[in-house]
PDB file of N, CA and C in Angstrom:
ATOM      1  N   MET A   1     -13.602  13.005   6.787  1.00  0.00           N
ATOM      2  CA  MET A   1     -12.868  13.734   5.766  1.00  0.00           C
ATOM      3  C   MET A   1     -13.849  14.145   4.677  1.00  0.00           C
ATOM      4  N   ASP A   2     -13.782  15.396   4.260  1.00  0.00           N
ATOM      5  CA  ASP A   2     -14.705  15.845   3.218  1.00  0.00           C
ATOM      6  C   ASP A   2     -14.225  15.352   1.847  1.00  0.00           C
ATOM      7  N   SER A   3     -15.124  15.428   0.871  1.00  0.00           N
ATOM      8  CA  SER A   3     -14.828  14.848  -0.439  1.00  0.00           C
ATOM      9  C   SER A   3     -13.668  15.559  -1.130  1.00  0.00           C
ATOM     10  N   THR A   4     -13.504  16.861  -0.907  1.00  0.00           N
ATOM     11  CA  THR A   4     -12.395  17.587  -1.522  1.00  0.00           C
ATOM     12  C   THR A   4     -11.060  17.098  -0.970  1.00  0.00           C
ATOM     13  N   SER A   5     -10.980  16.952   0.340  1.00  0.00           N
ATOM     14  CA  SER A   5      -9.745  16.450   0.958  1.00  0.00           C
ATOM     15  C   SER A   5      -9.441  15.030   0.502  1.00  0.00           C
ATOM     16  N   TRP A   6     -10.478  14.209   0.382  1.00  0.00           N
ATOM     17  CA  TRP A   6     -10.286  12.828  -0.059  1.00  0.00           C
ATOM     18  C   TRP A   6      -9.768  12.802  -1.497  1.00  0.00           C
ATOM     19  N   GLU A   7     -10.321  13.639  -2.362  1.00  0.00           N
ATOM     20  CA  GLU A   7      -9.857  13.695  -3.761  1.00  0.00           C
ATOM     21  C   GLU A   7      -8.405  14.183  -3.814  1.00  0.00           C
ATOM     22  N   GLN A   8      -8.029  15.119  -2.955  1.00  0.00           N
ATOM     23  CA  GLN A   8      -6.644  15.586  -2.900  1.00  0.00           C
ATOM     24  C   GLN A   8      -5.720  14.461  -2.437  1.00  0.00           C
ATOM     25  N   THR A   9      -6.180  13.687  -1.473  1.00  0.00           N
ATOM     26  CA  THR A   9      -5.393  12.555  -0.987  1.00  0.00           C
ATOM     27  C   THR A   9      -5.188  11.541  -2.098  1.00  0.00           C
ATOM     28  N   LYS A  10      -6.258  11.240  -2.843  1.00  0.00           N
ATOM     29  CA  LYS A  10      -6.142  10.271  -3.939  1.00  0.00           C
ATOM     30  C   LYS A  10      -5.210  10.777  -5.044  1.00  0.00           C
ATOM     31  N   SER A  11      -5.209  12.077  -5.284  1.00  0.00           N
ATOM     32  CA  SER A  11      -4.305  12.602  -6.309  1.00  0.00           C
ATOM     33  C   SER A  11      -2.858  12.610  -5.807  1.00  0.00           C
ATOM     34  N   ARG A  12      -2.686  12.685  -4.503  1.00  0.00           N
ATOM     35  CA  ARG A  12      -1.336  12.622  -3.924  1.00  0.00           C
ATOM     36  C   ARG A  12      -0.787  11.194  -3.944  1.00  0.00           C
ATOM     37  N   TYR A  13      -1.660  10.229  -3.705  1.00  0.00           N
ATOM     38  CA  TYR A  13      -1.280   8.808  -3.696  1.00  0.00           C
ATOM     39  C   TYR A  13      -1.974   8.120  -4.863  1.00  0.00           C
ATOM     40  N   LYS A  14      -1.324   8.143  -6.014  1.00  0.00           N
ATOM     41  CA  LYS A  14      -1.925   7.629  -7.246  1.00  0.00           C
ATOM     42  C   LYS A  14      -1.789   6.109  -7.347  1.00  0.00           C
ATOM     43  N   LEU A  15      -2.730   5.498  -8.041  1.00  0.00           N
ATOM     44  CA  LEU A  15      -2.657   4.057  -8.283  1.00  0.00           C
ATOM     45  C   LEU A  15      -1.333   3.720  -8.966  1.00  0.00           C
ATOM     46  N   GLY A  16      -0.686   2.669  -8.482  1.00  0.00           N
ATOM     47  CA  GLY A  16       0.585   2.234  -9.042  1.00  0.00           C
ATOM     48  C   GLY A  16       1.803   2.920  -8.444  1.00  0.00           C
ATOM     49  N   GLN A  17       1.589   3.897  -7.595  1.00  0.00           N
ATOM     50  CA  GLN A  17       2.685   4.650  -6.989  1.00  0.00           C
ATOM     51  C   GLN A  17       3.323   3.857  -5.847  1.00  0.00           C
ATOM     52  N   PHE A  18       4.648   3.927  -5.761  1.00  0.00           N
ATOM     53  CA  PHE A  18       5.374   3.326  -4.645  1.00  0.00           C
ATOM     54  C   PHE A  18       5.343   4.304  -3.473  1.00  0.00           C
ATOM     55  N   VAL A  19       4.992   3.809  -2.294  1.00  0.00           N
ATOM     56  CA  VAL A  19       4.987   4.631  -1.087  1.00  0.00           C
ATOM     57  C   VAL A  19       5.720   3.887   0.027  1.00  0.00           C
ATOM     58  N   GLN A  20       6.205   4.640   1.000  1.00  0.00           N
ATOM     59  CA  GLN A  20       6.803   4.056   2.184  1.00  0.00           C
ATOM     60  C   GLN A  20       6.093   4.621   3.401  1.00  0.00           C
ATOM     61  N   GLY A  21       6.044   3.817   4.438  1.00  0.00           N
ATOM     62  CA  GLY A  21       5.428   4.277   5.668  1.00  0.00           C
ATOM     63  C   GLY A  21       5.816   3.388   6.827  1.00  0.00           C
ATOM     64  N   LYS A  22       5.438   3.833   8.020  1.00  0.00           N
ATOM     65  CA  LYS A  22       5.747   3.073   9.235  1.00  0.00           C
ATOM     66  C   LYS A  22       4.535   2.271   9.663  1.00  0.00           C
ATOM     67  N   VAL A  23       4.786   1.028  10.030  1.00  0.00           N
ATOM     68  CA  VAL A  23       3.724   0.160  10.528  1.00  0.00           C
ATOM     69  C   VAL A  23       3.225   0.726  11.848  1.00  0.00           C
ATOM     70  N   GLU A  24       1.901   0.964  11.927  1.00  0.00           N
ATOM     71  CA  GLU A  24       1.316   1.522  13.156  1.00  0.00           C
ATOM     72  C   GLU A  24       0.667   0.459  14.022  1.00  0.00           C
ATOM     73  N   PHE A  25      -0.098  -0.453  13.402  1.00  0.00           N
ATOM     74  CA  PHE A  25      -0.715  -1.526  14.176  1.00  0.00           C
ATOM     75  C   PHE A  25      -1.150  -2.652  13.270  1.00  0.00           C
ATOM     76  N   HIS A  26      -1.392  -3.800  13.899  1.00  0.00           N
ATOM     77  CA  HIS A  26      -1.809  -5.025  13.213  1.00  0.00           C
ATOM     78  C   HIS A  26      -3.268  -5.317  13.514  1.00  0.00           C
ATOM     79  N   GLU A  27      -3.938  -5.902  12.555  1.00  0.00           N
ATOM     80  CA  GLU A  27      -5.287  -6.440  12.718  1.00  0.00           C
ATOM     81  C   GLU A  27      -5.261  -7.840  12.110  1.00  0.00           C
ATOM     82  N   PRO A  28      -6.235  -8.685  12.431  1.00  0.00           N
ATOM     83  CA  PRO A  28      -6.248 -10.030  11.855  1.00  0.00           C
ATOM     84  C   PRO A  28      -6.318 -10.028  10.320  1.00  0.00           C
ATOM     85  N   PHE A  29      -6.850  -8.967   9.740  1.00  0.00           N
ATOM     86  CA  PHE A  29      -7.028  -8.903   8.286  1.00  0.00           C
ATOM     87  C   PHE A  29      -5.917  -8.140   7.569  1.00  0.00           C
ATOM     88  N   GLY A  30      -5.046  -7.445   8.324  1.00  0.00           N
ATOM     89  CA  GLY A  30      -3.998  -6.689   7.662  1.00  0.00           C
ATOM     90  C   GLY A  30      -3.178  -5.828   8.595  1.00  0.00           C
ATOM     91  N   VAL A  31      -2.295  -5.056   7.979  1.00  0.00           N
ATOM     92  CA  VAL A  31      -1.373  -4.197   8.703  1.00  0.00           C
ATOM     93  C   VAL A  31      -1.625  -2.756   8.256  1.00  0.00           C
ATOM     94  N   PHE A  32      -1.775  -1.852   9.236  1.00  0.00           N
ATOM     95  CA  PHE A  32      -1.994  -0.446   8.930  1.00  0.00           C
ATOM     96  C   PHE A  32      -0.665   0.302   8.963  1.00  0.00           C
ATOM     97  N   VAL A  33      -0.493   1.169   7.972  1.00  0.00           N
ATOM     98  CA  VAL A  33       0.767   1.869   7.766  1.00  0.00           C
ATOM     99  C   VAL A  33       0.498   3.369   7.715  1.00  0.00           C
ATOM    100  N   LYS A  34       1.307   4.136   8.418  1.00  0.00           N
ATOM    101  CA  LYS A  34       1.220   5.602   8.350  1.00  0.00           C
ATOM    102  C   LYS A  34       2.045   6.049   7.151  1.00  0.00           C
ATOM    103  N   ILE A  35       1.339   6.514   6.101  1.00  0.00           N
ATOM    104  CA  ILE A  35       2.047   6.913   4.878  1.00  0.00           C
ATOM    105  C   ILE A  35       2.145   8.425   4.744  1.00  0.00           C
ATOM    106  N   ASP A  36       1.390   9.142   5.563  1.00  0.00           N
ATOM    107  CA  ASP A  36       1.406  10.602   5.529  1.00  0.00           C
ATOM    108  C   ASP A  36       2.241  11.093   6.701  1.00  0.00           C
ATOM    109  N   GLU A  37       3.215  11.951   6.421  1.00  0.00           N
ATOM    110  CA  GLU A  37       4.120  12.420   7.466  1.00  0.00           C
ATOM    111  C   GLU A  37       3.437  13.312   8.497  1.00  0.00           C
ATOM    112  N   SER A  38       2.354  13.985   8.103  1.00  0.00           N
ATOM    113  CA  SER A  38       1.714  14.909   9.043  1.00  0.00           C
ATOM    114  C   SER A  38       1.016  14.135  10.167  1.00  0.00           C
ATOM    115  N   ASP A  39       1.211  14.589  11.377  1.00  0.00           N
ATOM    116  CA  ASP A  39       0.665  13.905  12.549  1.00  0.00           C
ATOM    117  C   ASP A  39      -0.856  13.912  12.593  1.00  0.00           C
ATOM    118  N   GLU A  40      -1.479  14.940  11.996  1.00  0.00           N
ATOM    119  CA  GLU A  40      -2.928  15.059  12.088  1.00  0.00           C
ATOM    120  C   GLU A  40      -3.678  14.275  11.002  1.00  0.00           C
ATOM    121  N   SER A  41      -2.964  13.661  10.079  1.00  0.00           N
ATOM    122  CA  SER A  41      -3.624  12.942   8.990  1.00  0.00           C
ATOM    123  C   SER A  41      -4.405  11.733   9.505  1.00  0.00           C
ATOM    124  N   LEU A  42      -5.611  11.600   9.012  1.00  0.00           N
ATOM    125  CA  LEU A  42      -6.455  10.454   9.370  1.00  0.00           C
ATOM    126  C   LEU A  42      -6.321   9.318   8.364  1.00  0.00           C
ATOM    127  N   VAL A  43      -5.618   9.553   7.270  1.00  0.00           N
ATOM    128  CA  VAL A  43      -5.490   8.561   6.208  1.00  0.00           C
ATOM    129  C   VAL A  43      -4.413   7.548   6.578  1.00  0.00           C
ATOM    130  N   LYS A  44      -4.757   6.275   6.420  1.00  0.00           N
ATOM    131  CA  LYS A  44      -3.826   5.182   6.684  1.00  0.00           C
ATOM    132  C   LYS A  44      -3.711   4.308   5.445  1.00  0.00           C
ATOM    133  N   GLY A  45      -2.564   3.694   5.297  1.00  0.00           N
ATOM    134  CA  GLY A  45      -2.400   2.665   4.285  1.00  0.00           C
ATOM    135  C   GLY A  45      -2.753   1.332   4.910  1.00  0.00           C
ATOM    136  N   LEU A  46      -3.398   0.458   4.143  1.00  0.00           N
ATOM    137  CA  LEU A  46      -3.746  -0.880   4.631  1.00  0.00           C
ATOM    138  C   LEU A  46      -3.190  -1.916   3.669  1.00  0.00           C
ATOM    139  N   ILE A  47      -2.328  -2.777   4.201  1.00  0.00           N
ATOM    140  CA  ILE A  47      -1.842  -3.926   3.433  1.00  0.00           C
ATOM    141  C   ILE A  47      -2.598  -5.129   3.962  1.00  0.00           C
ATOM    142  N   LYS A  48      -3.505  -5.659   3.146  1.00  0.00           N
ATOM    143  CA  LYS A  48      -4.266  -6.838   3.562  1.00  0.00           C
ATOM    144  C   LYS A  48      -3.340  -8.051   3.566  1.00  0.00           C
ATOM    145  N   ILE A  49      -3.631  -8.998   4.429  1.00  0.00           N
ATOM    146  CA  ILE A  49      -2.760 -10.164   4.615  1.00  0.00           C
ATOM    147  C   ILE A  49      -2.435 -10.881   3.299  1.00  0.00           C
ATOM    148  N   PRO A  50      -3.407 -11.102   2.394  1.00  0.00           N
ATOM    149  CA  PRO A  50      -3.044 -11.775   1.134  1.00  0.00           C
ATOM    150  C   PRO A  50      -2.127 -10.943   0.232  1.00  0.00           C
ATOM    151  N   ASP A  51      -1.920  -9.673   0.562  1.00  0.00           N
ATOM    152  CA  ASP A  51      -1.123  -8.793  -0.290  1.00  0.00           C
ATOM    153  C   ASP A  51       0.329  -8.637   0.171  1.00  0.00           C
ATOM    154  N   PHE A  52       0.813  -9.613   0.960  1.00  0.00           N
ATOM    155  CA  PHE A  52       2.208  -9.615   1.380  1.00  0.00           C
ATOM    156  C   PHE A  52       3.062 -10.629   0.622  1.00  0.00           C
ATOM    157  N   LEU A  53       2.497 -11.784   0.327  1.00  0.00           N
ATOM    158  CA  LEU A  53       3.278 -12.872  -0.259  1.00  0.00           C
ATOM    159  C   LEU A  53       2.724 -13.277  -1.617  1.00  0.00           C
ATOM    160  N   ASP A  54       3.624 -13.651  -2.525  1.00  0.00           N
ATOM    161  CA  ASP A  54       3.191 -14.186  -3.807  1.00  0.00           C
ATOM    162  C   ASP A  54       2.655 -15.603  -3.646  1.00  0.00           C
ATOM    163  N   GLU A  55       3.263 -16.355  -2.737  1.00  0.00           N
ATOM    164  CA  GLU A  55       2.864 -17.746  -2.503  1.00  0.00           C
ATOM    165  C   GLU A  55       2.910 -18.033  -1.016  1.00  0.00           C
ATOM    166  N   GLY A  56       2.110 -18.984  -0.590  1.00  0.00           N
ATOM    167  CA  GLY A  56       2.131 -19.412   0.800  1.00  0.00           C
ATOM    168  C   GLY A  56       1.196 -18.600   1.676  1.00  0.00           C
ATOM    169  N   GLU A  57       1.199 -18.945   2.937  1.00  0.00           N
ATOM    170  CA  GLU A  57       0.325 -18.316   3.927  1.00  0.00           C
ATOM    171  C   GLU A  57       1.117 -17.350   4.795  1.00  0.00           C
ATOM    172  N   MET A  58       0.521 -16.231   5.111  1.00  0.00           N
ATOM    173  CA  MET A  58       1.132 -15.243   5.995  1.00  0.00           C
ATOM    174  C   MET A  58       0.700 -15.550   7.426  1.00  0.00           C
ATOM    175  N   SER A  59       1.652 -15.714   8.310  1.00  0.00           N
ATOM    176  CA  SER A  59       1.327 -15.945   9.720  1.00  0.00           C
ATOM    177  C   SER A  59       1.635 -14.676  10.507  1.00  0.00           C
ATOM    178  N   GLU A  60       1.060 -14.567  11.703  1.00  0.00           N
ATOM    179  CA  GLU A  60       1.264 -13.369  12.524  1.00  0.00           C
ATOM    180  C   GLU A  60       2.738 -13.128  12.839  1.00  0.00           C
ATOM    181  N   GLU A  61       3.517 -14.198  12.954  1.00  0.00           N
ATOM    182  CA  GLU A  61       4.951 -14.044  13.238  1.00  0.00           C
ATOM    183  C   GLU A  61       5.674 -13.342  12.093  1.00  0.00           C
ATOM    184  N   MET A  62       5.079 -13.375  10.912  1.00  0.00           N
ATOM    185  CA  MET A  62       5.704 -12.782   9.734  1.00  0.00           C
ATOM    186  C   MET A  62       5.334 -11.305   9.541  1.00  0.00           C
ATOM    187  N   TYR A  63       4.366 -10.803  10.289  1.00  0.00           N
ATOM    188  CA  TYR A  63       3.975  -9.393  10.151  1.00  0.00           C
ATOM    189  C   TYR A  63       5.178  -8.499  10.432  1.00  0.00           C
ATOM    190  N   PRO A  64       5.326  -7.417   9.680  1.00  0.00           N
ATOM    191  CA  PRO A  64       6.408  -6.484  10.013  1.00  0.00           C
ATOM    192  C   PRO A  64       6.151  -5.852  11.384  1.00  0.00           C
ATOM    193  N   GLU A  65       7.201  -5.638  12.136  1.00  0.00           N
ATOM    194  CA  GLU A  65       7.058  -5.100  13.489  1.00  0.00           C
ATOM    195  C   GLU A  65       6.526  -3.672  13.460  1.00  0.00           C
ATOM    196  N   ILE A  66       5.795  -3.314  14.500  1.00  0.00           N
ATOM    197  CA  ILE A  66       5.296  -1.943  14.640  1.00  0.00           C
ATOM    198  C   ILE A  66       6.494  -0.999  14.691  1.00  0.00           C
ATOM    199  N   GLY A  67       6.409   0.078  13.920  1.00  0.00           N
ATOM    200  CA  GLY A  67       7.509   1.040  13.830  1.00  0.00           C
ATOM    201  C   GLY A  67       8.439   0.796  12.659  1.00  0.00           C
ATOM    202  N   THR A  68       8.333  -0.385  12.036  1.00  0.00           N
ATOM    203  CA  THR A  68       9.164  -0.719  10.886  1.00  0.00           C
ATOM    204  C   THR A  68       8.706   0.058   9.659  1.00  0.00           C
ATOM    205  N   THR A  69       9.650   0.524   8.857  1.00  0.00           N
ATOM    206  CA  THR A  69       9.312   1.175   7.592  1.00  0.00           C
ATOM    207  C   THR A  69       9.153   0.104   6.527  1.00  0.00           C
ATOM    208  N   VAL A  70       8.038   0.170   5.806  1.00  0.00           N
ATOM    209  CA  VAL A  70       7.762  -0.774   4.731  1.00  0.00           C
ATOM    210  C   VAL A  70       7.454  -0.006   3.456  1.00  0.00           C
ATOM    211  N   GLY A  71       7.697  -0.662   2.335  1.00  0.00           N
ATOM    212  CA  GLY A  71       7.357  -0.103   1.037  1.00  0.00           C
ATOM    213  C   GLY A  71       6.229  -0.899   0.424  1.00  0.00           C
ATOM    214  N   ALA A  72       5.372  -0.219  -0.335  1.00  0.00           N
ATOM    215  CA  ALA A  72       4.236  -0.889  -0.966  1.00  0.00           C
ATOM    216  C   ALA A  72       3.760  -0.051  -2.152  1.00  0.00           C
ATOM    217  N   ILE A  73       2.873  -0.641  -2.930  1.00  0.00           N
ATOM    218  CA  ILE A  73       2.300   0.013  -4.105  1.00  0.00           C
ATOM    219  C   ILE A  73       0.836   0.324  -3.826  1.00  0.00           C
ATOM    220  N   VAL A  74       0.402   1.535  -4.188  1.00  0.00           N
ATOM    221  CA  VAL A  74      -1.002   1.926  -4.041  1.00  0.00           C
ATOM    222  C   VAL A  74      -1.822   1.146  -5.071  1.00  0.00           C
ATOM    223  N   VAL A  75      -2.833   0.405  -4.579  1.00  0.00           N
ATOM    224  CA  VAL A  75      -3.666  -0.405  -5.480  1.00  0.00           C
ATOM    225  C   VAL A  75      -5.152  -0.072  -5.396  1.00  0.00           C
ATOM    226  N   GLY A  76      -5.547   0.802  -4.472  1.00  0.00           N
ATOM    227  CA  GLY A  76      -6.963   1.141  -4.383  1.00  0.00           C
ATOM    228  C   GLY A  76      -7.250   2.058  -3.217  1.00  0.00           C
ATOM    229  N   TYR A  77      -8.545   2.412  -3.118  1.00  0.00           N
ATOM    230  CA  TYR A  77      -8.995   3.342  -2.090  1.00  0.00           C
ATOM    231  C   TYR A  77     -10.270   2.814  -1.457  1.00  0.00           C
ATOM    232  N   ASN A  78     -10.426   3.043  -0.168  1.00  0.00           N
ATOM    233  CA  ASN A  78     -11.661   2.679   0.515  1.00  0.00           C
ATOM    234  C   ASN A  78     -12.607   3.865   0.409  1.00  0.00           C
ATOM    235  N   GLU A  79     -13.492   3.823  -0.575  1.00  0.00           N
ATOM    236  CA  GLU A  79     -14.414   4.931  -0.826  1.00  0.00           C
ATOM    237  C   GLU A  79     -15.513   5.019   0.228  1.00  0.00           C
ATOM    238  N   SER A  80     -15.737   3.948   0.969  1.00  0.00           N
ATOM    239  CA  SER A  80     -16.818   3.975   1.960  1.00  0.00           C
ATOM    240  C   SER A  80     -16.457   4.769   3.209  1.00  0.00           C
ATOM    241  N   ASN A  81     -15.166   4.773   3.581  1.00  0.00           N
ATOM    242  CA  ASN A  81     -14.807   5.561   4.764  1.00  0.00           C
ATOM    243  C   ASN A  81     -13.851   6.717   4.464  1.00  0.00           C
ATOM    244  N   CYS A  82     -13.325   6.751   3.238  1.00  0.00           N
ATOM    245  CA  CYS A  82     -12.432   7.840   2.805  1.00  0.00           C
ATOM    246  C   CYS A  82     -11.259   8.063   3.754  1.00  0.00           C
ATOM    247  N   ARG A  83     -10.741   6.983   4.308  1.00  0.00           N
ATOM    248  CA  ARG A  83      -9.603   7.108   5.225  1.00  0.00           C
ATOM    249  C   ARG A  83      -8.537   6.041   5.003  1.00  0.00           C
ATOM    250  N   GLU A  84      -8.788   5.118   4.073  1.00  0.00           N
ATOM    251  CA  GLU A  84      -7.829   4.036   3.857  1.00  0.00           C
ATOM    252  C   GLU A  84      -7.404   3.980   2.398  1.00  0.00           C
ATOM    253  N   ILE A  85      -6.106   3.824   2.228  1.00  0.00           N
ATOM    254  CA  ILE A  85      -5.538   3.595   0.908  1.00  0.00           C
ATOM    255  C   ILE A  85      -5.038   2.161   0.911  1.00  0.00           C
ATOM    256  N   TYR A  86      -5.522   1.367  -0.039  1.00  0.00           N
ATOM    257  CA  TYR A  86      -5.119  -0.038  -0.104  1.00  0.00           C
ATOM    258  C   TYR A  86      -3.737  -0.143  -0.747  1.00  0.00           C
ATOM    259  N   LEU A  87      -2.898  -0.948  -0.114  1.00  0.00           N
ATOM    260  CA  LEU A  87      -1.524  -1.136  -0.565  1.00  0.00           C
ATOM    261  C   LEU A  87      -1.241  -2.602  -0.837  1.00  0.00           C
ATOM    262  N   ASN A  88      -0.244  -2.845  -1.675  1.00  0.00           N
ATOM    263  CA  ASN A  88       0.169  -4.210  -1.974  1.00  0.00           C
ATOM    264  C   ASN A  88       1.681  -4.274  -1.814  1.00  0.00           C
ATOM    265  N   ALA A  89       2.156  -5.276  -1.074  1.00  0.00           N
ATOM    266  CA  ALA A  89       3.585  -5.430  -0.819  1.00  0.00           C
ATOM    267  C   ALA A  89       4.127  -6.755  -1.341  1.00  0.00           C
ATOM    268  N   LYS A  90       3.388  -7.407  -2.244  1.00  0.00           N
ATOM    269  CA  LYS A  90       3.896  -8.660  -2.811  1.00  0.00           C
ATOM    270  C   LYS A  90       5.178  -8.373  -3.588  1.00  0.00           C
ATOM    271  N   PRO A  91       6.168  -9.236  -3.464  1.00  0.00           N
ATOM    272  CA  PRO A  91       7.418  -9.016  -4.205  1.00  0.00           C
ATOM    273  C   PRO A  91       7.209  -8.830  -5.708  1.00  0.00           C
ATOM    274  N   SER A  92       6.319  -9.601  -6.301  1.00  0.00           N
ATOM    275  CA  SER A  92       6.110  -9.490  -7.751  1.00  0.00           C
ATOM    276  C   SER A  92       5.523  -8.131  -8.131  1.00  0.00           C
ATOM    277  N   VAL A  93       4.641  -7.593  -7.304  1.00  0.00           N
ATOM    278  CA  VAL A  93       4.026  -6.291  -7.574  1.00  0.00           C
ATOM    279  C   VAL A  93       5.057  -5.180  -7.377  1.00  0.00           C
ATOM    280  N   LEU A  94       5.829  -5.268  -6.310  1.00  0.00           N
ATOM    281  CA  LEU A  94       6.879  -4.271  -6.062  1.00  0.00           C
ATOM    282  C   LEU A  94       7.893  -4.273  -7.196  1.00  0.00           C
ATOM    283  N   HIS A  95       8.285  -5.447  -7.641  1.00  0.00           N
ATOM    284  CA  HIS A  95       9.285  -5.552  -8.705  1.00  0.00           C
ATOM    285  C   HIS A  95       8.786  -4.901  -9.991  1.00  0.00           C
ATOM    286  N   LYS A  96       7.541  -5.191 -10.367  1.00  0.00           N
ATOM    287  CA  LYS A  96       6.983  -4.607 -11.591  1.00  0.00           C
ATOM    288  C   LYS A  96       6.930  -3.090 -11.503  1.00  0.00           C
ATOM    289  N   ALA A  97       6.578  -2.555 -10.339  1.00  0.00           N
ATOM    290  CA  ALA A  97       6.449  -1.109 -10.189  1.00  0.00           C
ATOM    291  C   ALA A  97       7.809  -0.410 -10.128  1.00  0.00           C
ATOM    292  N   LEU A  98       8.790  -1.069  -9.530  1.00  0.00           N
ATOM    293  CA  LEU A  98      10.087  -0.432  -9.338  1.00  0.00           C
ATOM    294  C   LEU A  98      11.059  -0.671 -10.478  1.00  0.00           C
ATOM    295  N   VAL A  99      10.856  -1.745 -11.241  1.00  0.00           N
ATOM    296  CA  VAL A  99      11.743  -2.074 -12.350  1.00  0.00           C
ATOM    297  C   VAL A  99      10.903  -2.243 -13.615  1.00  0.00           C
ATOM    298  N   PRO A 100      10.485  -1.130 -14.220  1.00  0.00           N
ATOM    299  CA  PRO A 100       9.674  -1.259 -15.427  1.00  0.00           C
ATOM    300  C   PRO A 100      10.509  -1.833 -16.576  1.00  0.00           C
ATOM    301  N   LEU A 101       9.995  -2.872 -17.155  1.00  0.00           N
ATOM    302  CA  LEU A 101      10.702  -3.535 -18.253  1.00  0.00           C
ATOM    303  C   LEU A 101      10.113  -3.100 -19.586  1.00  0.00           C
ATOM    304  N   LYS A 102      10.996  -2.851 -20.541  1.00  0.00           N
ATOM    305  CA  LYS A 102      10.534  -2.546 -21.891  1.00  0.00           C
ATOM    306  C   LYS A 102      10.689  -3.827 -22.703  1.00  0.00           C
ATOM    307  N   ILE A 103       9.577  -4.302 -23.185  1.00  0.00           N
ATOM    308  CA  ILE A 103       9.595  -5.524 -23.975  1.00  0.00           C
ATOM    309  C   ILE A 103       9.505  -5.100 -25.443  1.00  0.00           C
ATOM    310  N   PRO A 104      10.530  -5.450 -26.243  1.00  0.00           N
ATOM    311  CA  PRO A 104      10.516  -5.012 -27.630  1.00  0.00           C
ATOM    312  C   PRO A 104       9.309  -5.579 -28.381  1.00  0.00           C
ATOM    313  N   ALA A 105       8.817  -4.788 -29.303  1.00  0.00           N
ATOM    314  CA  ALA A 105       7.682  -5.232 -30.120  1.00  0.00           C
ATOM    315  C   ALA A 105       8.129  -6.408 -30.979  1.00  0.00           C
ATOM    316  N   LEU A 106       7.234  -7.331 -31.125  1.00  0.00           N
ATOM    317  CA  LEU A 106       7.541  -8.493 -31.965  1.00  0.00           C
ATOM    318  C   LEU A 106       7.500  -8.086 -33.429  1.00  0.00           C
ATOM    319  N   SER A 107       8.497  -8.461 -34.175  1.00  0.00           N
ATOM    320  CA  SER A 107       8.494  -8.115 -35.611  1.00  0.00           C
ATOM    321  C   SER A 107       7.624  -9.115 -36.352  1.00  0.00           C
ATOM    322  N   VAL A 108       6.902  -8.621 -37.323  1.00  0.00           N
ATOM    323  CA  VAL A 108       5.984  -9.486 -38.071  1.00  0.00           C
ATOM    324  C   VAL A 108       6.551  -9.810 -39.406  1.00  0.00           C
TER     325      VAL A 108
END
């Protein structure tokens, strides 16, 4: 992917943005998600294993099934290969992104 296309991809999938995609395949280090609807897209979302649970260990039996739609938050980009967008699916991260809380200023 050329640098212009990669920059366009990053502007389309901004940090902190909620995205949904279908699980395409599993690896020992994470789950790859198709977040771009176009069939020719080379860009994949990657949810690393530690980015699924707030607490505890993730086992292979807990991986979402291939073909399942999952939601996650964009947390980074793989600049070395320009083909992976890092995602986070921890409940606490999803909650913060989907339910923004306004905390009143403390009066002095």
